[in-house]
Structure formats: structure tokens, C-alpha cells
N, C-alpha and C. Protein backbone atom coordinates (compact mmCIF):
# COMPACT_ATOMS: atom_id res chain seq x y z
N ILE A 1 2.89 -14.07 -7.92
CA ILE A 1 3.58 -14.49 -9.14
C ILE A 1 4.13 -13.60 -10.09
N CYS A 2 3.71 -12.48 -10.40
CA CYS A 2 4.07 -11.57 -11.57
C CYS A 2 5.09 -11.36 -11.34
N SER A 3 5.90 -10.83 -10.00
CA SER A 3 7.18 -10.43 -9.56
C SER A 3 8.27 -11.13 -10.06
N ILE A 4 8.40 -12.11 -9.95
CA ILE A 4 8.93 -13.54 -11.20
C ILE A 4 9.64 -12.98 -12.19
N VAL A 5 9.07 -12.08 -12.83
CA VAL A 5 8.99 -11.64 -14.58
C VAL A 5 9.97 -10.32 -14.32
N PRO A 6 11.40 -10.85 -15.11
CA PRO A 6 12.39 -9.76 -14.60
C PRO A 6 12.02 -8.55 -15.22
N GLY A 7 12.23 -7.28 -15.13
CA GLY A 7 11.46 -5.90 -14.95
C GLY A 7 10.03 -5.76 -15.60
N LEU A 8 8.93 -5.97 -14.76
CA LEU A 8 7.66 -6.19 -15.06
C LEU A 8 7.59 -5.02 -14.26
N ARG A 9 6.50 -4.37 -15.03
CA ARG A 9 6.06 -3.20 -14.11
C ARG A 9 4.88 -3.32 -13.74
N LEU A 10 3.72 -3.20 -12.44
CA LEU A 10 2.49 -3.54 -11.80
C LEU A 10 2.25 -2.61 -11.39
N ALA A 11 1.05 -2.31 -12.22
CA ALA A 11 0.19 -1.14 -11.48
C ALA A 11 -1.19 -1.97 -10.46
N ALA A 12 -1.44 -1.20 -9.50
CA ALA A 12 -2.54 -1.64 -8.73
C ALA A 12 -3.75 -0.16 -8.83
N PRO A 13 -4.47 -0.11 -9.24
CA PRO A 13 -4.96 1.25 -9.54
C PRO A 13 -6.11 0.75 -8.22
N ARG A 14 -6.61 1.95 -7.52
CA ARG A 14 -7.39 1.97 -6.07
C ARG A 14 -8.82 2.54 -6.74
N ASP A 15 -8.99 2.61 -8.13
CA ASP A 15 -11.01 2.78 -8.31
C ASP A 15 -10.27 3.11 -9.50
N GLY A 16 -12.34 3.34 -10.17
CA GLY A 16 -12.15 3.13 -11.66
C GLY A 16 -11.36 4.35 -12.42
N GLU A 17 -11.20 5.35 -11.80
CA GLU A 17 -10.35 6.38 -12.59
C GLU A 17 -9.37 5.96 -12.78
N GLN A 18 -8.24 5.24 -11.58
CA GLN A 18 -7.25 5.42 -11.95
C GLN A 18 -6.97 3.67 -12.99
N VAL A 19 -7.89 3.24 -13.29
CA VAL A 19 -7.96 1.80 -13.96
C VAL A 19 -7.48 2.47 -15.19
N LYS A 20 -8.35 3.62 -15.68
CA LYS A 20 -8.19 4.38 -17.05
C LYS A 20 -7.02 4.90 -17.40
N ALA A 21 -6.67 5.71 -15.82
CA ALA A 21 -5.27 6.32 -16.42
C ALA A 21 -4.25 5.11 -16.19
N GLN A 22 -3.80 4.23 -15.55
CA GLN A 22 -2.73 3.54 -15.76
C GLN A 22 -3.21 2.56 -16.95
N LEU A 23 -4.12 2.59 -17.63
CA LEU A 23 -4.49 1.40 -18.18
C LEU A 23 -3.37 2.64 -19.56
N ARG A 24 -3.58 3.62 -19.65
CA ARG A 24 -2.99 4.92 -20.62
C ARG A 24 -1.44 4.63 -20.55
N GLU A 25 -1.31 4.73 -19.13
CA GLU A 25 0.19 4.74 -18.80
C GLU A 25 0.63 3.44 -19.38
N ALA A 26 0.07 2.13 -19.24
CA ALA A 26 0.68 0.77 -19.49
C ALA A 26 1.15 0.84 -21.26
N VAL A 27 0.42 1.31 -21.65
CA VAL A 27 0.05 1.39 -22.90
C VAL A 27 1.52 2.09 -23.40
N ASP A 28 1.77 3.23 -23.00
CA ASP A 28 3.11 3.87 -23.14
C ASP A 28 4.53 3.06 -23.13
N VAL A 29 4.33 2.55 -21.97
CA VAL A 29 5.72 1.39 -21.85
C VAL A 29 6.32 0.52 -22.46
N ASP A 30 7.19 0.61 -23.13
CA ASP A 30 7.42 0.43 -24.35
C ASP A 30 9.32 -0.86 -24.44
N ASP A 31 9.49 -0.56 -23.10
CA ASP A 31 10.86 -1.36 -22.35
C ASP A 31 10.47 -2.24 -21.68
N ALA A 32 9.23 -2.89 -20.92
CA ALA A 32 9.00 -3.90 -20.25
C ALA A 32 7.70 -4.36 -20.58
N PRO A 33 7.61 -5.59 -19.59
CA PRO A 33 6.33 -5.70 -20.04
C PRO A 33 5.29 -5.18 -18.32
N THR A 34 3.99 -4.94 -18.86
CA THR A 34 3.08 -4.50 -17.47
C THR A 34 1.71 -5.28 -17.37
N VAL A 35 1.47 -5.48 -15.98
CA VAL A 35 0.46 -5.68 -15.76
C VAL A 35 -0.48 -4.74 -15.00
N ILE A 36 -1.33 -4.96 -15.38
CA ILE A 36 -2.63 -3.66 -14.79
C ILE A 36 -3.40 -4.78 -12.92
N ARG A 37 -2.94 -5.16 -12.35
CA ARG A 37 -4.32 -5.70 -10.88
C ARG A 37 -4.97 -5.32 -10.21
N PHE A 38 -6.41 -5.56 -10.54
CA PHE A 38 -7.18 -4.81 -9.50
C PHE A 38 -8.56 -6.18 -9.50
N PRO A 39 -9.39 -6.29 -8.69
CA PRO A 39 -10.37 -6.98 -8.16
C PRO A 39 -11.27 -6.80 -9.04
N LYS A 40 -12.01 -8.34 -9.03
CA LYS A 40 -13.36 -7.97 -9.39
C LYS A 40 -14.14 -7.62 -8.90
N GLY A 41 -15.07 -7.04 -9.74
CA GLY A 41 -16.94 -6.41 -8.64
C GLY A 41 -16.54 -5.13 -8.62
N ASP A 42 -17.60 -4.66 -7.86
CA ASP A 42 -17.32 -3.21 -7.99
C ASP A 42 -15.90 -2.39 -7.92
N VAL A 43 -16.18 -1.69 -8.45
CA VAL A 43 -14.87 -0.39 -8.82
C VAL A 43 -15.43 0.84 -7.33
N ALA A 44 -13.91 0.93 -6.75
CA ALA A 44 -14.33 1.86 -5.49
C ALA A 44 -14.47 3.11 -6.11
N GLU A 45 -15.34 4.23 -5.35
CA GLU A 45 -15.50 5.32 -5.36
C GLU A 45 -13.89 6.22 -5.42
N PRO A 46 -13.71 7.38 -6.87
CA PRO A 46 -12.56 7.75 -6.87
C PRO A 46 -12.30 8.36 -5.53
N ILE A 47 -10.98 8.12 -5.12
CA ILE A 47 -9.96 9.09 -4.19
C ILE A 47 -8.96 9.93 -4.72
N ALA A 48 -9.81 11.02 -4.31
CA ALA A 48 -8.67 12.17 -5.36
C ALA A 48 -7.35 11.99 -4.30
N ALA A 49 -6.49 12.36 -4.93
CA ALA A 49 -4.85 13.00 -4.38
C ALA A 49 -5.10 14.42 -3.75
N LEU A 50 -3.84 14.05 -2.47
CA LEU A 50 -4.16 15.69 -1.75
C LEU A 50 -2.83 16.09 -2.67
N ARG A 51 -2.00 14.94 -3.81
CA ARG A 51 -1.05 15.65 -4.64
C ARG A 51 -0.08 14.43 -4.53
N SER A 52 0.88 14.01 -5.88
CA SER A 52 1.50 13.46 -6.34
C SER A 52 3.15 13.89 -6.28
N ASP A 53 3.63 12.98 -5.74
CA ASP A 53 5.05 13.25 -5.71
C ASP A 53 5.95 11.90 -5.66
N ASP A 54 6.71 12.01 -6.82
CA ASP A 54 7.87 11.53 -7.18
C ASP A 54 7.35 9.97 -7.05
N GLY A 55 6.23 9.48 -8.02
CA GLY A 55 6.20 8.48 -8.26
C GLY A 55 5.25 7.75 -6.93
N TYR A 56 4.28 8.45 -6.74
CA TYR A 56 3.33 8.07 -5.09
C TYR A 56 2.57 9.42 -5.16
N ASP A 57 0.83 9.10 -4.88
CA ASP A 57 0.00 10.03 -4.76
C ASP A 57 -0.34 9.75 -3.08
N VAL A 58 -0.21 11.16 -2.46
CA VAL A 58 -0.36 11.16 -1.11
C VAL A 58 -2.01 11.22 -1.04
N LEU A 59 -2.72 10.49 -0.05
CA LEU A 59 -4.00 10.31 0.13
C LEU A 59 -4.03 10.86 1.49
N TYR A 60 -3.80 10.75 2.04
CA TYR A 60 -4.02 11.18 3.52
C TYR A 60 -2.39 11.81 4.20
N GLU A 61 -3.19 13.00 5.03
CA GLU A 61 -1.76 13.09 5.88
C GLU A 61 -2.08 13.91 6.92
N SER A 62 -1.30 13.68 8.05
CA SER A 62 -2.17 14.11 9.36
C SER A 62 -1.39 14.92 9.99
N GLY A 63 -1.04 15.74 11.02
CA GLY A 63 0.05 16.43 11.56
C GLY A 63 0.82 17.50 10.14
N ASP A 64 1.98 17.60 11.17
CA ASP A 64 2.52 18.92 9.96
C ASP A 64 3.02 18.04 8.85
N ALA A 65 2.20 18.74 7.59
CA ALA A 65 3.62 18.24 5.98
C ALA A 65 4.25 18.56 6.03
N ASP A 66 4.96 19.65 6.59
CA ASP A 66 7.06 19.54 6.24
C ASP A 66 7.73 18.46 7.66
N HIS A 67 6.93 17.99 8.00
CA HIS A 67 7.53 16.70 9.03
C HIS A 67 7.36 15.61 8.36
N GLU A 68 7.78 14.87 8.27
CA GLU A 68 8.36 13.25 7.93
C GLU A 68 6.95 12.81 9.23
N PRO A 69 6.25 11.69 9.30
CA PRO A 69 5.28 11.09 10.06
C PRO A 69 5.76 10.05 10.50
N GLU A 70 5.14 9.94 11.96
CA GLU A 70 5.56 8.61 12.87
C GLU A 70 5.47 7.13 11.90
N VAL A 71 3.85 7.30 11.17
CA VAL A 71 3.66 6.08 10.27
C VAL A 71 3.34 6.47 8.90
N LEU A 72 4.24 5.63 8.24
CA LEU A 72 3.81 5.94 7.05
C LEU A 72 3.17 4.39 6.03
N VAL A 73 1.27 4.69 5.64
CA VAL A 73 0.85 4.33 5.34
C VAL A 73 0.96 3.82 4.06
N VAL A 74 1.88 2.77 3.67
CA VAL A 74 1.23 2.36 1.44
C VAL A 74 0.57 1.38 1.28
N ALA A 75 -0.76 2.14 0.82
CA ALA A 75 -2.34 1.14 0.54
C ALA A 75 -2.06 0.97 -0.67
N VAL A 76 -2.20 -0.32 -0.70
CA VAL A 76 -1.81 -1.06 -2.36
C VAL A 76 -3.16 -1.14 -2.74
N GLY A 77 -4.02 -0.39 -4.29
CA GLY A 77 -4.31 -0.50 -5.32
C GLY A 77 -6.16 -0.30 -4.08
N SER A 78 -7.04 -1.36 -4.46
CA SER A 78 -8.37 -1.25 -3.67
C SER A 78 -8.10 -1.55 -1.99
N MET A 79 -7.03 -1.73 -1.55
CA MET A 79 -7.26 -1.31 0.02
C MET A 79 -6.84 0.18 0.30
N CYS A 80 -6.76 1.37 -0.71
CA CYS A 80 -6.66 2.51 -0.14
C CYS A 80 -7.80 3.15 0.85
N PRO A 81 -9.21 2.44 1.03
CA PRO A 81 -9.87 2.97 1.58
C PRO A 81 -9.28 2.13 3.00
N THR A 82 -9.32 1.31 3.15
CA THR A 82 -8.58 0.75 4.46
C THR A 82 -7.49 1.18 5.33
N GLY A 83 -6.85 1.96 3.72
CA GLY A 83 -5.55 2.29 4.33
C GLY A 83 -5.93 3.76 4.91
N ILE A 84 -6.70 4.75 4.29
CA ILE A 84 -7.26 6.05 5.18
C ILE A 84 -8.06 5.05 6.29
N ALA A 85 -8.67 4.76 6.41
CA ALA A 85 -9.41 4.26 7.63
C ALA A 85 -8.21 4.27 8.92
N VAL A 86 -7.42 2.86 8.51
CA VAL A 86 -6.25 2.90 9.52
C VAL A 86 -5.33 4.40 9.95
N ALA A 87 -5.21 4.93 9.46
CA ALA A 87 -4.52 6.48 9.21
C ALA A 87 -5.49 7.01 10.51
N GLU A 88 -6.97 7.72 10.17
CA GLU A 88 -7.75 7.97 10.75
C GLU A 88 -7.96 7.51 12.07
N LYS A 89 -8.09 5.98 12.39
CA LYS A 89 -7.73 6.00 13.88
C LYS A 89 -6.39 5.98 14.47
N LEU A 90 -5.26 5.84 13.49
CA LEU A 90 -3.98 6.53 14.36
C LEU A 90 -3.63 7.66 14.83
N GLU A 91 -4.13 8.68 14.15
CA GLU A 91 -4.32 9.98 14.24
C GLU A 91 -5.32 9.99 15.53
N ALA A 92 -6.21 9.10 15.73
CA ALA A 92 -7.56 9.62 16.99
C ALA A 92 -6.53 8.86 18.18
N GLN A 93 -5.13 8.29 17.75
CA GLN A 93 -4.64 7.69 18.99
C GLN A 93 -3.31 8.91 19.03
N GLY A 94 -3.24 9.79 18.45
CA GLY A 94 -1.97 10.67 18.86
C GLY A 94 -0.79 10.41 17.48
N HIS A 95 -1.04 9.38 16.63
CA HIS A 95 -0.02 9.45 15.81
C HIS A 95 -0.02 10.34 14.78
N SER A 96 1.03 11.03 14.12
CA SER A 96 1.06 11.63 12.83
C SER A 96 1.07 10.34 11.64
N VAL A 97 0.23 10.59 10.70
CA VAL A 97 0.14 9.12 9.53
C VAL A 97 -0.40 10.38 8.43
N THR A 98 0.76 9.07 7.51
CA THR A 98 0.22 9.80 6.15
C THR A 98 0.18 8.69 5.39
N VAL A 99 -0.63 8.62 4.06
CA VAL A 99 -1.02 7.77 3.46
C VAL A 99 -0.80 7.79 1.87
N ILE A 100 0.42 6.71 1.55
CA ILE A 100 0.58 7.01 -0.13
C ILE A 100 -0.23 5.83 -1.37
N ASP A 101 -0.19 6.02 -2.20
CA ASP A 101 -0.71 4.69 -3.23
C ASP A 101 0.61 4.98 -4.43
N PRO A 102 1.43 3.67 -3.86
CA PRO A 102 2.17 4.06 -4.78
C PRO A 102 1.97 3.55 -6.49
N ARG A 103 0.07 3.64 -6.92
CA ARG A 103 0.37 3.26 -7.98
C ARG A 103 0.88 2.08 -8.76
N TRP A 104 2.47 2.56 -9.22
CA TRP A 104 2.70 1.47 -10.10
C TRP A 104 3.88 0.81 -9.02
N VAL A 105 3.26 -0.21 -8.64
CA VAL A 105 3.66 -1.03 -7.10
C VAL A 105 4.99 -1.61 -7.29
N LEU A 106 5.58 -2.23 -8.42
CA LEU A 106 6.89 -3.20 -9.22
C LEU A 106 7.26 -2.10 -10.31
N PRO A 107 8.52 -1.92 -9.91
CA PRO A 107 9.72 -2.28 -9.38
C PRO A 107 8.97 -0.93 -8.06
N VAL A 108 9.46 -0.91 -6.98
CA VAL A 108 9.16 -0.33 -5.81
C VAL A 108 10.22 1.66 -6.23
N SER A 109 8.74 2.12 -6.33
CA SER A 109 10.17 3.40 -6.83
C SER A 109 11.31 3.67 -5.93
N ASP A 110 11.90 4.39 -6.27
CA ASP A 110 12.84 5.48 -5.22
C ASP A 110 12.13 6.18 -4.30
N GLY A 111 11.49 7.09 -4.96
CA GLY A 111 10.27 7.96 -4.22
C GLY A 111 9.83 6.99 -2.92
N VAL A 112 8.95 6.06 -3.45
CA VAL A 112 8.47 5.43 -2.32
C VAL A 112 9.61 4.97 -0.68
N VAL A 113 10.82 4.85 -1.51
CA VAL A 113 11.88 4.53 -0.64
C VAL A 113 12.32 5.52 -0.31
N ALA A 114 12.44 6.31 -0.51
CA ALA A 114 13.31 7.75 0.04
C ALA A 114 11.91 8.31 1.69
N LYS A 115 10.84 8.21 0.76
CA LYS A 115 9.33 8.36 1.87
C LYS A 115 9.55 7.25 2.47
N ALA A 116 9.52 6.60 3.15
CA ALA A 116 9.34 5.51 3.62
C ALA A 116 11.18 4.94 4.78
N ARG A 117 11.74 5.51 3.99
CA ARG A 117 12.97 5.55 4.63
C ARG A 117 13.01 6.88 5.91
N ALA A 118 11.89 8.46 5.92
CA ALA A 118 12.05 9.27 7.06
C ALA A 118 11.40 8.98 7.89
N ALA A 119 10.17 7.70 7.38
CA ALA A 119 9.35 7.20 8.43
C ALA A 119 9.80 6.77 9.90
N GLY A 120 8.80 6.33 11.04
CA GLY A 120 9.16 5.76 11.88
C GLY A 120 8.54 4.12 11.84
N HIS A 121 7.77 4.36 10.76
CA HIS A 121 7.08 2.42 10.28
C HIS A 121 6.41 2.52 9.61
N VAL A 122 6.60 1.66 8.99
CA VAL A 122 5.61 1.61 7.35
C VAL A 122 4.84 0.22 7.71
N VAL A 123 4.02 0.78 7.43
CA VAL A 123 2.61 -0.54 7.31
C VAL A 123 2.21 -0.26 6.02
N VAL A 124 2.11 -1.73 5.75
CA VAL A 124 1.42 -2.16 3.84
C VAL A 124 0.72 -2.64 4.12
N ILE A 125 -0.16 -2.51 3.17
CA ILE A 125 -2.02 -2.90 3.35
C ILE A 125 -2.10 -3.19 1.62
N GLU A 126 -2.45 -4.82 1.79
CA GLU A 126 -2.33 -5.33 0.37
C GLU A 126 -3.33 -6.22 0.51
N ASP A 127 -4.00 -6.65 -1.34
CA ASP A 127 -5.10 -7.60 -0.70
C ASP A 127 -4.29 -9.08 -1.79
N ASN A 128 -3.13 -9.07 -1.39
CA ASN A 128 -2.36 -10.06 -2.19
C ASN A 128 -1.45 -10.60 -1.29
N LEU A 129 -0.79 -12.05 -1.54
CA LEU A 129 -0.17 -12.24 -0.40
C LEU A 129 1.12 -11.96 0.17
N VAL A 130 0.66 -12.38 1.26
CA VAL A 130 1.78 -10.98 2.34
C VAL A 130 3.31 -11.79 1.90
N THR A 131 3.26 -12.96 1.41
CA THR A 131 4.71 -13.82 1.15
C THR A 131 5.68 -13.18 0.18
N HIS A 132 4.88 -13.24 -0.91
CA HIS A 132 5.33 -12.87 -2.17
C HIS A 132 4.56 -11.25 -2.29
N GLY A 133 4.54 -10.39 -1.81
CA GLY A 133 3.24 -9.39 -1.89
C GLY A 133 4.78 -7.91 -2.65
N VAL A 134 3.67 -6.94 -2.40
CA VAL A 134 4.49 -5.55 -2.42
C VAL A 134 4.88 -5.31 -1.24
N GLY A 135 4.54 -5.64 0.06
CA GLY A 135 4.91 -5.22 0.87
C GLY A 135 6.78 -6.30 1.16
N VAL A 136 6.40 -7.35 1.13
CA VAL A 136 7.81 -7.85 0.92
C VAL A 136 9.21 -7.04 -0.33
N ALA A 137 8.44 -6.59 -1.53
CA ALA A 137 9.49 -5.53 -2.10
C ALA A 137 9.77 -4.63 -1.44
N VAL A 138 8.89 -3.49 -0.97
CA VAL A 138 8.97 -2.54 -0.05
C VAL A 138 10.38 -2.80 1.03
N SER A 139 9.69 -3.30 1.48
CA SER A 139 11.07 -4.05 2.36
C SER A 139 12.26 -4.60 2.14
N HIS A 140 12.54 -5.65 1.32
CA HIS A 140 13.56 -5.40 0.51
C HIS A 140 14.48 -4.29 -0.12
N ALA A 141 13.31 -3.05 -0.57
CA ALA A 141 14.03 -2.00 -1.58
C ALA A 141 14.82 -1.29 -0.10
N LEU A 142 13.87 -1.01 0.83
CA LEU A 142 14.35 -0.51 2.17
C LEU A 142 15.88 -0.62 2.71
N ARG A 143 15.86 -2.69 3.12
CA ARG A 143 17.08 -2.58 3.13
C ARG A 143 18.22 -2.53 2.37
N SER A 144 17.71 -2.89 0.89
CA SER A 144 18.60 -2.46 -0.13
C SER A 144 19.15 -1.32 -0.24
N ALA A 145 18.27 -0.75 0.33
CA ALA A 145 19.56 0.88 0.42
C ALA A 145 19.82 1.50 1.62
N GLY A 146 19.88 0.16 2.59
CA GLY A 146 20.53 0.82 3.79
C GLY A 146 19.15 0.99 5.07
N ALA A 147 18.49 1.25 4.75
CA ALA A 147 17.65 1.87 5.44
C ALA A 147 16.11 0.77 6.50
N MET A 148 16.85 1.10 8.16
CA MET A 148 16.29 -0.38 8.94
C MET A 148 14.94 -0.09 9.29
N VAL A 149 14.01 0.55 8.57
CA VAL A 149 12.73 1.29 9.14
C VAL A 149 12.00 -0.20 9.35
N PRO A 150 10.77 -0.58 10.30
CA PRO A 150 10.32 -1.24 10.87
C PRO A 150 9.46 -1.33 9.63
N VAL A 151 9.14 -2.79 8.92
CA VAL A 151 7.59 -2.41 7.74
C VAL A 151 6.70 -3.38 8.03
N HIS A 152 5.54 -3.47 8.48
CA HIS A 152 4.88 -3.90 9.20
C HIS A 152 3.84 -4.49 8.06
N THR A 153 3.62 -5.80 7.48
CA THR A 153 2.64 -5.82 6.30
C THR A 153 1.47 -6.41 6.45
N TYR A 154 0.65 -6.18 6.01
CA TYR A 154 -1.04 -6.59 6.51
C TYR A 154 -1.64 -6.90 4.77
N GLY A 155 -2.08 -8.55 4.48
CA GLY A 155 -2.32 -8.76 3.22
C GLY A 155 -2.98 -10.29 3.62
N ILE A 156 -2.70 -11.11 2.88
CA ILE A 156 -3.18 -12.51 2.65
C ILE A 156 -2.33 -13.75 2.85
N PRO A 157 -3.01 -14.43 4.08
CA PRO A 157 -2.15 -15.48 4.50
C PRO A 157 -1.68 -16.28 3.28
N GLY A 158 -0.92 -16.90 3.24
CA GLY A 158 -0.77 -17.74 2.23
C GLY A 158 -1.41 -19.54 2.84
N GLN A 159 -2.54 -19.12 2.76
CA GLN A 159 -3.49 -20.57 2.98
C GLN A 159 -4.23 -20.34 2.45
N PHE A 160 -4.79 -21.86 2.19
CA PHE A 160 -6.80 -21.89 1.63
C PHE A 160 -7.10 -21.14 2.27
N LEU A 161 -8.59 -20.36 1.85
CA LEU A 161 -9.33 -19.66 2.37
C LEU A 161 -10.59 -20.09 1.81
N GLU A 162 -11.56 -20.23 3.19
CA GLU A 162 -13.31 -20.29 2.89
C GLU A 162 -13.69 -19.42 1.53
N HIS A 163 -14.43 -20.28 0.91
CA HIS A 163 -14.68 -19.72 -0.32
C HIS A 163 -16.70 -18.62 0.83
N ALA A 164 -16.30 -17.23 -0.27
CA ALA A 164 -16.61 -16.33 1.12
C ALA A 164 -16.88 -14.89 -0.40
N SER A 165 -17.49 -13.95 0.04
CA SER A 165 -17.82 -13.01 -0.83
C SER A 165 -16.41 -12.03 -0.57
N ARG A 166 -16.05 -11.36 -0.48
CA ARG A 166 -14.75 -10.67 -0.77
C ARG A 166 -14.25 -10.00 0.46
N GLY A 167 -15.66 -8.99 0.66
CA GLY A 167 -15.48 -8.31 1.88
C GLY A 167 -15.78 -9.79 3.23
N GLN A 168 -16.44 -10.83 3.39
CA GLN A 168 -16.09 -11.80 3.96
C GLN A 168 -14.82 -12.50 4.26
N VAL A 169 -14.37 -12.90 3.38
CA VAL A 169 -12.52 -13.10 3.44
C VAL A 169 -12.01 -12.15 3.81
N LEU A 170 -11.96 -10.77 3.76
CA LEU A 170 -11.36 -10.11 4.30
C LEU A 170 -11.31 -9.87 5.91
N GLU A 171 -12.90 -9.87 6.32
CA GLU A 171 -13.01 -9.71 7.27
C GLU A 171 -12.73 -11.29 7.96
N SER A 172 -12.38 -12.38 7.57
CA SER A 172 -12.29 -13.83 8.44
C SER A 172 -10.32 -13.48 8.11
N ILE A 173 -9.56 -12.74 7.47
CA ILE A 173 -8.37 -12.99 7.69
C ILE A 173 -8.11 -11.50 8.83
N GLY A 174 -8.54 -10.46 9.01
CA GLY A 174 -8.75 -9.67 9.76
C GLY A 174 -8.02 -8.64 8.78
N LEU A 175 -8.33 -8.28 7.79
CA LEU A 175 -7.65 -7.25 6.69
C LEU A 175 -8.58 -5.84 6.90
N THR A 176 -8.96 -5.78 8.21
CA THR A 176 -9.91 -5.07 8.33
C THR A 176 -9.22 -3.51 8.84
N PRO A 177 -9.74 -2.31 9.42
CA PRO A 177 -9.04 -1.33 9.63
C PRO A 177 -8.99 -1.15 11.14
N ASP A 178 -10.05 -1.68 12.19
CA ASP A 178 -9.81 -2.12 13.23
C ASP A 178 -8.77 -3.04 13.48
N VAL A 179 -8.75 -4.48 12.80
CA VAL A 179 -7.86 -5.16 12.95
C VAL A 179 -6.71 -4.84 12.94
N ILE A 180 -6.23 -4.34 11.87
CA ILE A 180 -5.21 -3.35 11.86
C ILE A 180 -4.19 -2.38 11.98
N THR A 181 -5.20 -1.36 12.53
CA THR A 181 -5.30 -0.60 13.70
C THR A 181 -4.07 -1.42 14.72
N THR A 182 -5.10 -1.47 15.45
CA THR A 182 -4.92 -2.69 16.90
C THR A 182 -3.28 -3.15 17.06
N ASP A 183 -3.43 -3.79 15.73
CA ASP A 183 -1.84 -4.69 15.63
C ASP A 183 -0.76 -3.19 15.42
N VAL A 184 -0.97 -2.79 14.59
CA VAL A 184 -0.22 -1.77 14.26
C VAL A 184 0.37 -0.78 15.99
N LEU A 185 -0.31 -0.39 16.25
CA LEU A 185 -0.54 -0.26 17.52
C LEU A 185 0.07 -0.96 19.22
N ALA A 186 0.27 -1.89 18.65
CA ALA A 186 0.40 -2.98 19.32
C ALA A 186 2.39 -3.11 19.15
N ARG A 187 2.57 -2.93 18.03
CA ARG A 187 3.76 -2.63 16.96
C ARG A 187 4.46 -1.59 17.46
N ILE A 188 3.81 -0.46 17.48
CA ILE A 188 4.59 0.68 17.59
C ILE A 188 5.22 0.52 19.34
N ALA A 189 3.86 0.07 20.26
CA ALA A 189 4.52 0.52 21.62
C ALA A 189 5.85 -0.43 21.66
N SER A 190 5.97 -1.85 20.93
CA SER A 190 7.22 -1.92 21.36
C SER A 190 8.22 -2.45 20.63
N HIS A 191 8.47 -1.32 20.16
CA HIS A 191 9.88 -0.75 19.26
C HIS A 191 10.15 0.85 20.46
């Protein structure tokens, strides 16, 4: 729902270290409203970036770093560990994969668009509504840039969910590495 605010900048920290870093960054923004979105409960163990590049952190890379990946996984916030697990499973099936964390997910950075444009498939994994989430924003940014890369979004469906723990909810809606990987492999095979 925050995406309707004009000019809003939305951060989705992947772990406690990023919460601290992005809070400091948010304080320095003086030309737009900022929101830092993270789930309640325990914070994830720190996930070190392999490198930072043009508005995103690279968390995982298979294959040749000099060549663009067949699959680009855009992992949002607390879904970064899931994104890495999906990448490992896809790599085991013979696909080259890169996982990035955009950190500041709205607006979609030009760097994310450029990286996604060069991939064969883009997979967005988020713990947000798929109908108004980061995946929709990434898809729109790519289309606006003239890139027709397939974007596959995995997130929370627009329906009432049974009350349960976070892990149980994610399991019940199929937001797990095994389910996502199976679906991505089917989508790659159909293209």
C-alpha cells in the first residue's frame, strides 16, 4: 500500500545489519518519504554480499561472473535466504543463477533494470502481496525500459490466510525453496 505514495523510497533489509545500515541511509534522505519494511520476529543471520553493484547487493553467483545469468533472482528483504536456496537448487539443475538484493526496493533502481534486462528470466521472491509488490514494480520498470524479459513473481496471494507462525504461513502458500524451484523450472522449460 506504500507504493501509492509519490516519490516514496522503500527499503527491505535482509538482516539485522542491514536494518541498521538502511536506517542510517533513510535518515540521510531529505527529498522523499522513506519506509523501512521488515517482518516482526527474529532477524536473520547476517548475509554478506559478494559485492555491491549499481544499487543492489550480489548475494550469490553461479557460472561465469563475466556472463549474464540465465536466471536473475531478485530476493526482497527477509526472503534473501529463500532466494539463495532457490539459486542453489537451480544451479544443481544446470542453470546459471545470480541472486541480488535490491535493498531499496522502491523505486526500482536503474541498476536492477539493467541487470534484469540481460537475464533470460527474472524471479522476484518477496513476502509481500504479489498484486502490488516489488515484482509488479520490477515488471513495470522493465516494460517501461522496453525489456521483454519474463518476470515470475512469488509472494503472498491476495486472500485471507489462516493464522499461524510465519514459517507455517509461508509453507501453506508455497513460498518455500522447493515449491518455487519446481515452478521456475517448469516456466523455464515452457519458454
